[in-house]
PDB file of N, CA and C in Angstrom:
ATOM      1  N   MET A   1     -66.125-187.411-126.420  1.00  0.00           N
ATOM      2  CA  MET A   1     -64.820-187.320-125.822  1.00  0.00           C
ATOM      3  C   MET A   1     -64.136-186.051-126.359  1.00  0.00           C
ATOM      4  N   THR A   2     -63.675-185.236-125.442  1.00  0.00           N
ATOM      5  CA  THR A   2     -63.001-184.007-125.845  1.00  0.00           C
ATOM      6  C   THR A   2     -61.563-184.311-126.280  1.00  0.00           C
ATOM      7  N   ASP A   3     -60.924-183.335-126.884  1.00  0.00           N
ATOM      8  CA  ASP A   3     -59.529-183.506-127.301  1.00  0.00           C
ATOM      9  C   ASP A   3     -58.630-183.796-126.102  1.00  0.00           C
ATOM     10  N   PHE A   4     -58.875-183.094-124.998  1.00  0.00           N
ATOM     11  CA  PHE A   4     -58.049-183.306-123.809  1.00  0.00           C
ATOM     12  C   PHE A   4     -58.269-184.706-123.236  1.00  0.00           C
ATOM     13  N   GLU A   5     -59.519-185.161-123.189  1.00  0.00           N
ATOM     14  CA  GLU A   5     -59.795-186.512-122.706  1.00  0.00           C
ATOM     15  C   GLU A   5     -59.122-187.545-123.606  1.00  0.00           C
ATOM     16  N   ARG A   6     -59.152-187.307-124.902  1.00  0.00           N
ATOM     17  CA  ARG A   6     -58.494-188.215-125.848  1.00  0.00           C
ATOM     18  C   ARG A   6     -56.990-188.252-125.592  1.00  0.00           C
ATOM     19  N   LYS A   7     -56.409-187.104-125.299  1.00  0.00           N
ATOM     20  CA  LYS A   7     -54.975-187.032-125.023  1.00  0.00           C
ATOM     21  C   LYS A   7     -54.635-187.816-123.761  1.00  0.00           C
ATOM     22  N   VAL A   8     -55.404-187.629-122.701  1.00  0.00           N
ATOM     23  CA  VAL A   8     -55.171-188.349-121.453  1.00  0.00           C
ATOM     24  C   VAL A   8     -55.344-189.855-121.678  1.00  0.00           C
ATOM     25  N   TYR A   9     -56.373-190.223-122.415  1.00  0.00           N
ATOM     26  CA  TYR A   9     -56.630-191.639-122.717  1.00  0.00           C
ATOM     27  C   TYR A   9     -55.434-192.253-123.452  1.00  0.00           C
ATOM     28  N   ARG A  10     -54.927-191.568-124.471  1.00  0.00           N
ATOM     29  CA  ARG A  10     -53.807-192.096-125.255  1.00  0.00           C
ATOM     30  C   ARG A  10     -52.540-192.213-124.409  1.00  0.00           C
ATOM     31  N   ILE A  11     -52.298-191.255-123.519  1.00  0.00           N
ATOM     32  CA  ILE A  11     -51.130-191.333-122.643  1.00  0.00           C
ATOM     33  C   ILE A  11     -51.239-192.541-121.736  1.00  0.00           C
ATOM     34  N   ILE A  12     -52.402-192.711-121.093  1.00  0.00           N
ATOM     35  CA  ILE A  12     -52.597-193.855-120.193  1.00  0.00           C
ATOM     36  C   ILE A  12     -52.507-195.161-120.975  1.00  0.00           C
ATOM     37  N   PHE A  13     -53.149-195.220-122.135  1.00  0.00           N
ATOM     38  CA  PHE A  13     -53.140-196.430-122.951  1.00  0.00           C
ATOM     39  C   PHE A  13     -51.717-196.798-123.356  1.00  0.00           C
ATOM     40  N   ASN A  14     -50.970-195.844-123.881  1.00  0.00           N
ATOM     41  CA  ASN A  14     -49.616-196.133-124.350  1.00  0.00           C
ATOM     42  C   ASN A  14     -48.672-196.515-123.223  1.00  0.00           C
ATOM     43  N   MET A  15     -48.792-195.887-122.072  1.00  0.00           N
ATOM     44  CA  MET A  15     -47.900-196.217-120.959  1.00  0.00           C
ATOM     45  C   MET A  15     -48.232-197.579-120.363  1.00  0.00           C
ATOM     46  N   THR A  16     -49.522-197.921-120.264  1.00  0.00           N
ATOM     47  CA  THR A  16     -49.883-199.217-119.684  1.00  0.00           C
ATOM     48  C   THR A  16     -49.556-200.364-120.636  1.00  0.00           C
ATOM     49  N   ARG A  17     -49.470-200.087-121.921  1.00  0.00           N
ATOM     50  CA  ARG A  17     -49.057-201.127-122.872  1.00  0.00           C
ATOM     51  C   ARG A  17     -47.675-201.655-122.545  1.00  0.00           C
ATOM     52  N   PHE A  18     -46.843-200.805-121.956  1.00  0.00           N
ATOM     53  CA  PHE A  18     -45.483-201.192-121.604  1.00  0.00           C
ATOM     54  C   PHE A  18     -45.345-201.488-120.113  1.00  0.00           C
ATOM     55  N   GLY A  19     -46.472-201.743-119.446  1.00  0.00           N
ATOM     56  CA  GLY A  19     -46.456-202.169-118.049  1.00  0.00           C
ATOM     57  C   GLY A  19     -46.242-201.064-117.033  1.00  0.00           C
ATOM     58  N   LYS A  20     -46.503-199.816-117.391  1.00  0.00           N
ATOM     59  CA  LYS A  20     -46.322-198.701-116.470  1.00  0.00           C
ATOM     60  C   LYS A  20     -47.646-197.981-116.267  1.00  0.00           C
ATOM     61  N   ASN A  21     -47.927-197.634-115.024  1.00  0.00           N
ATOM     62  CA  ASN A  21     -49.070-196.780-114.731  1.00  0.00           C
ATOM     63  C   ASN A  21     -48.546-195.360-114.604  1.00  0.00           C
ATOM     64  N   PRO A  22     -49.062-194.428-115.393  1.00  0.00           N
ATOM     65  CA  PRO A  22     -48.558-193.053-115.304  1.00  0.00           C
ATOM     66  C   PRO A  22     -48.948-192.403-113.978  1.00  0.00           C
ATOM     67  N   SER A  23     -48.006-191.709-113.391  1.00  0.00           N
ATOM     68  CA  SER A  23     -48.292-190.986-112.154  1.00  0.00           C
ATOM     69  C   SER A  23     -48.944-189.651-112.507  1.00  0.00           C
ATOM     70  N   MET A  24     -49.476-189.003-111.487  1.00  0.00           N
ATOM     71  CA  MET A  24     -50.091-187.702-111.698  1.00  0.00           C
ATOM     72  C   MET A  24     -49.045-186.704-112.196  1.00  0.00           C
ATOM     73  N   GLU A  25     -47.832-186.793-111.669  1.00  0.00           N
ATOM     74  CA  GLU A  25     -46.761-185.888-112.105  1.00  0.00           C
ATOM     75  C   GLU A  25     -46.433-186.098-113.579  1.00  0.00           C
ATOM     76  N   GLN A  26     -46.402-187.338-114.031  1.00  0.00           N
ATOM     77  CA  GLN A  26     -46.139-187.611-115.440  1.00  0.00           C
ATOM     78  C   GLN A  26     -47.263-187.070-116.311  1.00  0.00           C
ATOM     79  N   LEU A  27     -48.511-187.256-115.884  1.00  0.00           N
ATOM     80  CA  LEU A  27     -49.643-186.728-116.646  1.00  0.00           C
ATOM     81  C   LEU A  27     -49.621-185.201-116.692  1.00  0.00           C
ATOM     82  N   LYS A  28     -49.265-184.576-115.574  1.00  0.00           N
ATOM     83  CA  LYS A  28     -49.183-183.117-115.549  1.00  0.00           C
ATOM     84  C   LYS A  28     -48.098-182.624-116.503  1.00  0.00           C
ATOM     85  N   ARG A  29     -46.975-183.320-116.539  1.00  0.00           N
ATOM     86  CA  ARG A  29     -45.882-182.910-117.409  1.00  0.00           C
ATOM     87  C   ARG A  29     -46.231-183.117-118.883  1.00  0.00           C
ATOM     88  N   LYS A  30     -46.869-184.239-119.202  1.00  0.00           N
ATOM     89  CA  LYS A  30     -47.169-184.549-120.596  1.00  0.00           C
ATOM     90  C   LYS A  30     -48.336-183.735-121.152  1.00  0.00           C
ATOM     91  N   THR A  31     -49.300-183.374-120.300  1.00  0.00           N
ATOM     92  CA  THR A  31     -50.463-182.629-120.777  1.00  0.00           C
ATOM     93  C   THR A  31     -50.333-181.130-120.537  1.00  0.00           C
ATOM     94  N   ARG A  32     -49.451-180.741-119.623  1.00  0.00           N
ATOM     95  CA  ARG A  32     -49.286-179.337-119.230  1.00  0.00           C
ATOM     96  C   ARG A  32     -50.577-178.751-118.663  1.00  0.00           C
ATOM     97  N   LYS A  33     -51.319-179.590-117.949  1.00  0.00           N
ATOM     98  CA  LYS A  33     -52.553-179.154-117.275  1.00  0.00           C
ATOM     99  C   LYS A  33     -52.407-179.418-115.786  1.00  0.00           C
ATOM    100  N   ASP A  34     -53.312-178.838-115.000  1.00  0.00           N
ATOM    101  CA  ASP A  34     -53.260-179.045-113.558  1.00  0.00           C
ATOM    102  C   ASP A  34     -53.975-180.338-113.166  1.00  0.00           C
ATOM    103  N   GLU A  35     -53.802-180.712-111.911  1.00  0.00           N
ATOM    104  CA  GLU A  35     -54.338-181.974-111.410  1.00  0.00           C
ATOM    105  C   GLU A  35     -55.859-182.033-111.519  1.00  0.00           C
ATOM    106  N   HIS A  36     -56.519-180.926-111.254  1.00  0.00           N
ATOM    107  CA  HIS A  36     -57.978-180.879-111.290  1.00  0.00           C
ATOM    108  C   HIS A  36     -58.504-181.219-112.696  1.00  0.00           C
ATOM    109  N   ALA A  37     -57.898-180.650-113.719  1.00  0.00           N
ATOM    110  CA  ALA A  37     -58.323-180.908-115.100  1.00  0.00           C
ATOM    111  C   ALA A  37     -58.095-182.369-115.480  1.00  0.00           C
ATOM    112  N   ILE A  38     -56.979-182.935-115.040  1.00  0.00           N
ATOM    113  CA  ILE A  38     -56.672-184.335-115.350  1.00  0.00           C
ATOM    114  C   ILE A  38     -57.660-185.257-114.654  1.00  0.00           C
ATOM    115  N   ARG A  39     -57.944-184.981-113.373  1.00  0.00           N
ATOM    116  CA  ARG A  39     -58.908-185.810-112.642  1.00  0.00           C
ATOM    117  C   ARG A  39     -60.297-185.751-113.275  1.00  0.00           C
ATOM    118  N   ASP A  40     -60.705-184.569-113.708  1.00  0.00           N
ATOM    119  CA  ASP A  40     -62.000-184.430-114.380  1.00  0.00           C
ATOM    120  C   ASP A  40     -62.040-185.243-115.669  1.00  0.00           C
ATOM    121  N   ALA A  41     -60.956-185.208-116.430  1.00  0.00           N
ATOM    122  CA  ALA A  41     -60.901-185.967-117.683  1.00  0.00           C
ATOM    123  C   ALA A  41     -60.976-187.463-117.414  1.00  0.00           C
ATOM    124  N   VAL A  42     -60.239-187.936-116.413  1.00  0.00           N
ATOM    125  CA  VAL A  42     -60.251-189.368-116.083  1.00  0.00           C
ATOM    126  C   VAL A  42     -61.632-189.782-115.578  1.00  0.00           C
ATOM    127  N   LYS A  43     -62.261-188.956-114.763  1.00  0.00           N
ATOM    128  CA  LYS A  43     -63.613-189.267-114.274  1.00  0.00           C
ATOM    129  C   LYS A  43     -64.591-189.374-115.434  1.00  0.00           C
ATOM    130  N   ASN A  44     -64.498-188.463-116.388  1.00  0.00           N
ATOM    131  CA  ASN A  44     -65.384-188.519-117.552  1.00  0.00           C
ATOM    132  C   ASN A  44     -65.128-189.773-118.379  1.00  0.00           C
ATOM    133  N   LEU A  45     -63.868-190.144-118.542  1.00  0.00           N
ATOM    134  CA  LEU A  45     -63.545-191.366-119.283  1.00  0.00           C
ATOM    135  C   LEU A  45     -64.080-192.608-118.566  1.00  0.00           C
ATOM    136  N   MET A  46     -64.018-192.600-117.248  1.00  0.00           N
ATOM    137  CA  MET A  46     -64.552-193.724-116.485  1.00  0.00           C
ATOM    138  C   MET A  46     -66.078-193.741-116.555  1.00  0.00           C
ATOM    139  N   ARG A  47     -66.682-192.569-116.532  1.00  0.00           N
ATOM    140  CA  ARG A  47     -68.133-192.473-116.633  1.00  0.00           C
ATOM    141  C   ARG A  47     -68.621-192.987-117.993  1.00  0.00           C
ATOM    142  N   GLU A  48     -67.853-192.707-119.046  1.00  0.00           N
ATOM    143  CA  GLU A  48     -68.194-193.172-120.393  1.00  0.00           C
ATOM    144  C   GLU A  48     -67.757-194.621-120.640  1.00  0.00           C
ATOM    145  N   ARG A  49     -67.185-195.234-119.607  1.00  0.00           N
ATOM    146  CA  ARG A  49     -66.713-196.629-119.661  1.00  0.00           C
ATOM    147  C   ARG A  49     -65.590-196.847-120.674  1.00  0.00           C
ATOM    148  N   MET A  50     -64.788-195.816-120.875  1.00  0.00           N
ATOM    149  CA  MET A  50     -63.613-195.947-121.733  1.00  0.00           C
ATOM    150  C   MET A  50     -62.429-196.474-120.918  1.00  0.00           C
ATOM    151  N   LEU A  51     -62.408-196.137-119.622  1.00  0.00           N
ATOM    152  CA  LEU A  51     -61.369-196.577-118.698  1.00  0.00           C
ATOM    153  C   LEU A  51     -62.012-197.235-117.496  1.00  0.00           C
ATOM    154  N   LYS A  52     -61.296-198.201-116.926  1.00  0.00           N
ATOM    155  CA  LYS A  52     -61.741-198.836-115.692  1.00  0.00           C
ATOM    156  C   LYS A  52     -60.501-199.197-114.895  1.00  0.00           C
ATOM    157  N   TRP A  53     -60.511-198.922-113.591  1.00  0.00           N
ATOM    158  CA  TRP A  53     -59.387-199.245-112.729  1.00  0.00           C
ATOM    159  C   TRP A  53     -59.637-200.612-112.102  1.00  0.00           C
ATOM    160  N   ASP A  54     -58.729-201.535-112.323  1.00  0.00           N
ATOM    161  CA  ASP A  54     -58.809-202.873-111.733  1.00  0.00           C
ATOM    162  C   ASP A  54     -58.061-202.842-110.406  1.00  0.00           C
ATOM    163  N   LYS A  55     -58.801-202.895-109.296  1.00  0.00           N
ATOM    164  CA  LYS A  55     -58.203-202.766-107.971  1.00  0.00           C
ATOM    165  C   LYS A  55     -57.290-203.939-107.629  1.00  0.00           C
ATOM    166  N   GLU A  56     -57.672-205.136-108.052  1.00  0.00           N
ATOM    167  CA  GLU A  56     -56.865-206.320-107.715  1.00  0.00           C
ATOM    168  C   GLU A  56     -55.513-206.298-108.431  1.00  0.00           C
ATOM    169  N   LYS A  57     -55.520-205.975-109.709  1.00  0.00           N
ATOM    170  CA  LYS A  57     -54.285-205.958-110.486  1.00  0.00           C
ATOM    171  C   LYS A  57     -53.572-204.618-110.430  1.00  0.00           C
ATOM    172  N   GLU A  58     -54.268-203.606-109.900  1.00  0.00           N
ATOM    173  CA  GLU A  58     -53.760-202.243-109.792  1.00  0.00           C
ATOM    174  C   GLU A  58     -53.259-201.733-111.142  1.00  0.00           C
ATOM    175  N   LYS A  59     -54.131-201.831-112.138  1.00  0.00           N
ATOM    176  CA  LYS A  59     -53.803-201.291-113.455  1.00  0.00           C
ATOM    177  C   LYS A  59     -55.077-200.892-114.173  1.00  0.00           C
ATOM    178  N   TRP A  60     -54.925-200.116-115.247  1.00  0.00           N
ATOM    179  CA  TRP A  60     -56.055-199.653-116.028  1.00  0.00           C
ATOM    180  C   TRP A  60     -56.521-200.735-116.973  1.00  0.00           C
ATOM    181  N   MET A  61     -57.832-200.811-117.159  1.00  0.00           N
ATOM    182  CA  MET A  61     -58.442-201.724-118.113  1.00  0.00           C
ATOM    183  C   MET A  61     -59.139-200.886-119.183  1.00  0.00           C
ATOM    184  N   PHE A  62     -59.128-201.369-120.424  1.00  0.00           N
ATOM    185  CA  PHE A  62     -59.722-200.634-121.539  1.00  0.00           C
ATOM    186  C   PHE A  62     -60.859-201.400-122.144  1.00  0.00           C
TER     187      PHE A  62
END
């Protein structure tokens, strides 16, 4: 896991702990990266099974 992936993971983890799913705009503001970089990081985290999107509950699973 790269430093950037760790940062994205921690942002998603901390926000979902309080019942909020971070939007792309919030992730862009907090990481200061573009959408493409954020999507790549999330895809890698999902590939490594660190993150999973629950479609029924519409929230992230860890």
